[in-house]
Structures are given as C-alpha cells and as structure tokens.
Amino acid sequence: MRGEERRKEILRYIDRSPGPVSGTKLAEQFHVSRQVIVQDIALLRAEGAEIFSTNRGYICKMPSLVSRVYYVHHDDSRIREEMNLIVDNGGKIEDVFVHHEVYGELRAELAVDSRKKVADFIREIESGKSSPLNTITSGYHYHTVTAESAEILDSIEEELKEKGFLARDRI
C-alpha cells in the first residue's frame, strides 16, 4: 500500500473507531512502524485533517461534506473543461465510473480537487499510458463529487447543465 493510500485508510480507520486509536494499534493494523504512523498523522494534519492526540490515542473530526453523483457526457476534448468547472466551483471529484453492458460497473478513484490535480490527470491521459474510462461507453460516465454544502453542489450542477455536460438519459 502506498503512503497516500495508507494515510487515507488511517483517516477512515480513526474516524470510524468508537474511541481513540493508539499509534501502536495503527502501526499493527497497517504493518508499519509507529514512527511511520506519527509521520502520516503529521502529513494528514498538514493537509487539513482534524486529528487530535489524546493520552489514549488519536481521534478525528472529519469535515462534514455532502456528495452527489452527476451523470455526464462529453468527448475527450472536454475532459479538462468539465473537471476544472467542478473544482473551480468548490467540488472534489472523488471518482469516475461507468456502467458497461458486459463488465458491469467500472470505477476509478480520482480525488481531484484543484486545477493542478486536473492538469496532472490530463497529463497522464495524454501520455498515452491509458485511455479515459468513458471511452468504453461513448463518453457517458458518472462522477461522485463532494463539497462543503448542497448549495455548492447545486451550483456545480447548474453550470454542468449550462455547459452541456449533464447527460439527459441513462444509457
């Protein structure tokens, strides 16, 4: 497990725990040293996670976010525009997924919440290493988007609609 994935899982683990979680317990759970856990907690705090240390372990106050799934359609030339629209309006693109007739649901985590991450994603796609997931469904796909309020999600939805990104019918 990569560091970024481990930190995401540590945050989930602490958040779901009914009480404080010791560094030793986290080290055992994630098969790393306690020092790695201390460093991971410091990085998570630097990213804005509200993790508190108590004499019995770590506790977490997760920010309250709301989420919505948008069903969208566009060709590859508009990927950057669509993603920038979402992050510019305060959304975080958690994932992309498609419903394929043969394979069923195919999903990829994205965690894109800034123009820099959009640019990094586009650069990876343009490198030719792989194709966007929506290519197997003729441009139709879904995004789970999180934000700090329903109003932000409403604004994103309105702009997606205005720019012609929202799909009309499910395929």
Protein backbone atom coordinates (compact mmCIF):
# COMPACT_ATOMS: atom_id res chain seq x y z
CA MET A 1 0.00 0.00 0.00
CA ARG A 2 1.38 3.39 -1.00
CA GLY A 3 1.73 6.16 1.57
CA GLU A 4 -1.12 8.23 0.16
CA GLU A 5 -3.49 5.25 0.24
CA ARG A 6 -2.35 4.30 3.74
CA ARG A 7 -2.99 7.82 5.04
CA LYS A 8 -6.49 7.80 3.54
CA GLU A 9 -7.17 4.47 5.23
CA ILE A 10 -5.69 5.68 8.55
CA LEU A 11 -8.05 8.66 8.45
CA ARG A 12 -11.04 6.38 7.76
CA TYR A 13 -9.95 3.95 10.48
CA ILE A 14 -9.64 6.68 13.12
CA ASP A 15 -12.91 8.30 12.04
CA ARG A 16 -14.86 5.02 12.22
CA SER A 17 -13.41 4.00 15.55
CA PRO A 18 -15.80 4.39 18.51
CA GLY A 19 -12.93 5.72 20.65
CA PRO A 20 -9.30 6.86 20.48
CA VAL A 21 -6.90 4.68 18.45
CA SER A 22 -3.33 4.30 19.66
CA GLY A 23 -0.34 4.76 17.36
CA THR A 24 0.72 1.22 18.21
CA LYS A 25 -2.67 -0.15 17.11
CA LEU A 26 -2.44 1.80 13.83
CA ALA A 27 1.10 0.53 13.25
CA GLU A 28 -0.08 -3.06 13.71
CA GLN A 29 -3.15 -2.52 11.53
CA PHE A 30 -1.16 -1.03 8.63
CA HIS A 31 2.02 -3.10 9.03
CA VAL A 32 4.34 -0.14 9.50
CA SER A 33 6.35 1.25 12.40
CA ARG A 34 4.87 3.61 14.96
CA GLN A 35 7.22 6.31 13.64
CA VAL A 36 5.66 5.97 10.16
CA ILE A 37 2.23 6.45 11.78
CA VAL A 38 3.46 9.61 13.56
CA GLN A 39 4.73 10.95 10.22
CA ASP A 40 1.47 10.00 8.45
CA ILE A 41 -0.57 11.79 11.13
CA ALA A 42 1.61 14.90 10.70
CA LEU A 43 1.05 14.81 6.92
CA LEU A 44 -2.69 14.34 7.35
CA ARG A 45 -2.82 17.31 9.71
CA ALA A 46 -0.84 19.39 7.21
CA GLU A 47 -3.49 18.53 4.60
CA GLY A 48 -6.18 19.83 6.93
CA ALA A 49 -7.41 16.69 8.69
CA GLU A 50 -8.59 17.44 12.21
CA ILE A 51 -6.78 14.69 14.11
CA PHE A 52 -6.31 15.18 17.82
CA SER A 53 -3.88 13.37 20.10
CA THR A 54 -5.16 12.24 23.49
CA ASN A 55 -3.47 10.20 26.20
CA ARG A 56 -5.40 7.17 24.88
CA GLY A 57 -4.74 7.69 21.17
CA TYR A 58 -5.85 9.61 18.10
CA ILE A 59 -9.36 10.88 17.45
CA CYS A 60 -10.64 12.55 14.32
CA LYS A 61 -13.22 15.13 13.45
CA MET A 62 -13.98 14.68 9.78
CA PRO A 63 -15.30 17.73 7.97
CA SER A 64 -18.95 17.32 7.13
CA LEU A 65 -19.17 17.00 3.39
CA VAL A 66 -22.10 16.36 1.12
CA SER A 67 -21.89 14.34 -2.06
CA ARG A 68 -23.77 13.96 -5.29
CA VAL A 69 -23.41 11.77 -8.35
CA TYR A 70 -23.54 13.52 -11.71
CA TYR A 71 -24.30 11.64 -14.90
CA VAL A 72 -22.38 13.38 -17.68
CA HIS A 73 -21.48 13.03 -21.33
CA HIS A 74 -18.76 14.62 -23.45
CA ASP A 75 -15.90 13.72 -25.74
CA ASP A 76 -12.26 13.57 -24.68
CA SER A 77 -11.56 17.13 -25.79
CA ARG A 78 -13.75 18.45 -22.94
CA ILE A 79 -12.35 16.44 -20.01
CA ARG A 80 -10.23 19.33 -18.71
CA GLU A 81 -13.11 21.81 -19.05
CA GLU A 82 -15.51 19.55 -17.15
CA MET A 83 -13.07 18.80 -14.33
CA ASN A 84 -11.96 22.43 -13.96
CA LEU A 85 -15.59 23.54 -13.80
CA ILE A 86 -16.17 21.20 -10.84
CA VAL A 87 -13.04 22.11 -8.86
CA ASP A 88 -13.35 25.84 -9.63
CA ASN A 89 -16.81 25.78 -8.03
CA GLY A 90 -15.56 24.12 -4.84
CA GLY A 91 -16.12 20.46 -5.65
CA LYS A 92 -13.84 17.46 -5.25
CA ILE A 93 -14.13 14.79 -7.94
CA GLU A 94 -13.96 11.64 -5.87
CA ASP A 95 -14.23 9.14 -8.72
CA VAL A 96 -15.31 8.33 -12.23
CA PHE A 97 -17.40 5.30 -13.07
CA VAL A 98 -19.28 3.78 -15.95
CA HIS A 99 -21.93 1.11 -16.35
CA HIS A 100 -20.76 -1.27 -19.05
CA GLU A 101 -23.16 -3.72 -20.67
CA VAL A 102 -20.76 -6.65 -20.26
CA TYR A 103 -18.41 -5.76 -17.39
CA GLY A 104 -20.93 -4.02 -15.14
CA GLU A 105 -19.79 -1.06 -13.07
CA LEU A 106 -16.18 0.01 -13.53
CA ARG A 107 -14.91 2.65 -11.11
CA ALA A 108 -11.67 4.55 -10.58
CA GLU A 109 -10.85 6.80 -7.63
CA LEU A 110 -9.65 10.27 -8.63
CA ALA A 111 -9.62 12.58 -5.56
CA VAL A 112 -9.20 15.65 -7.80
CA ASP A 113 -9.82 18.94 -6.01
CA SER A 114 -7.60 21.51 -7.73
CA ARG A 115 -6.56 22.71 -11.19
CA LYS A 116 -3.09 21.26 -10.54
CA LYS A 117 -4.57 17.80 -9.96
CA VAL A 118 -6.72 18.23 -13.09
CA ALA A 119 -3.57 19.11 -15.07
CA ASP A 120 -1.73 16.10 -13.61
CA PHE A 121 -4.62 13.81 -14.55
CA ILE A 122 -4.79 15.21 -18.10
CA ARG A 123 -1.02 14.84 -18.48
CA GLU A 124 -1.27 11.15 -17.52
CA ILE A 125 -4.09 10.57 -20.01
CA GLU A 126 -2.27 12.46 -22.77
CA SER A 127 0.91 10.44 -22.16
CA GLY A 128 -0.84 7.56 -23.89
CA LYS A 129 -0.43 5.14 -20.98
CA SER A 130 -4.19 4.61 -20.91
CA SER A 131 -7.48 5.98 -22.16
CA PRO A 132 -10.21 7.72 -20.20
CA LEU A 133 -12.72 5.29 -18.70
CA ASN A 134 -15.60 7.00 -20.52
CA THR A 135 -14.26 5.89 -23.91
CA ILE A 136 -15.81 2.45 -23.42
CA THR A 137 -19.27 4.00 -23.02
CA SER A 138 -19.11 6.57 -25.82
CA GLY A 139 -18.40 9.45 -23.45
CA TYR A 140 -21.13 8.67 -20.91
CA HIS A 141 -19.92 8.42 -17.31
CA TYR A 142 -20.60 9.35 -13.71
CA HIS A 143 -18.68 11.37 -11.15
CA THR A 144 -19.17 11.35 -7.40
CA VAL A 145 -18.48 14.91 -6.26
CA THR A 146 -18.15 16.10 -2.67
CA ALA A 147 -18.35 19.67 -1.36
CA GLU A 148 -18.89 21.58 1.85
CA SER A 149 -22.56 22.30 1.13
CA ALA A 150 -25.53 21.31 -1.00
CA GLU A 151 -25.52 24.86 -2.39
CA ILE A 152 -22.06 24.29 -3.85
CA LEU A 153 -23.26 21.05 -5.45
CA ASP A 154 -26.32 22.88 -6.81
CA SER A 155 -24.03 25.49 -8.35
CA ILE A 156 -21.86 22.80 -9.92
CA GLU A 157 -24.92 21.02 -11.30
CA GLU A 158 -26.31 24.23 -12.76
CA GLU A 159 -23.04 25.04 -14.50
CA LEU A 160 -22.64 21.46 -15.78
CA LYS A 161 -26.13 21.76 -17.24
CA GLU A 162 -25.42 25.22 -18.69
CA LYS A 163 -22.23 23.97 -20.41
CA GLY A 164 -24.00 20.89 -21.82
CA PHE A 165 -22.22 18.27 -19.72
CA LEU A 166 -25.21 16.69 -17.97
CA ALA A 167 -26.49 13.63 -19.80
CA ARG A 168 -30.18 13.56 -20.47
CA ASP A 169 -30.89 9.84 -20.43
CA ARG A 170 -29.22 6.90 -18.76
CA ILE A 171 -27.65 4.55 -21.27
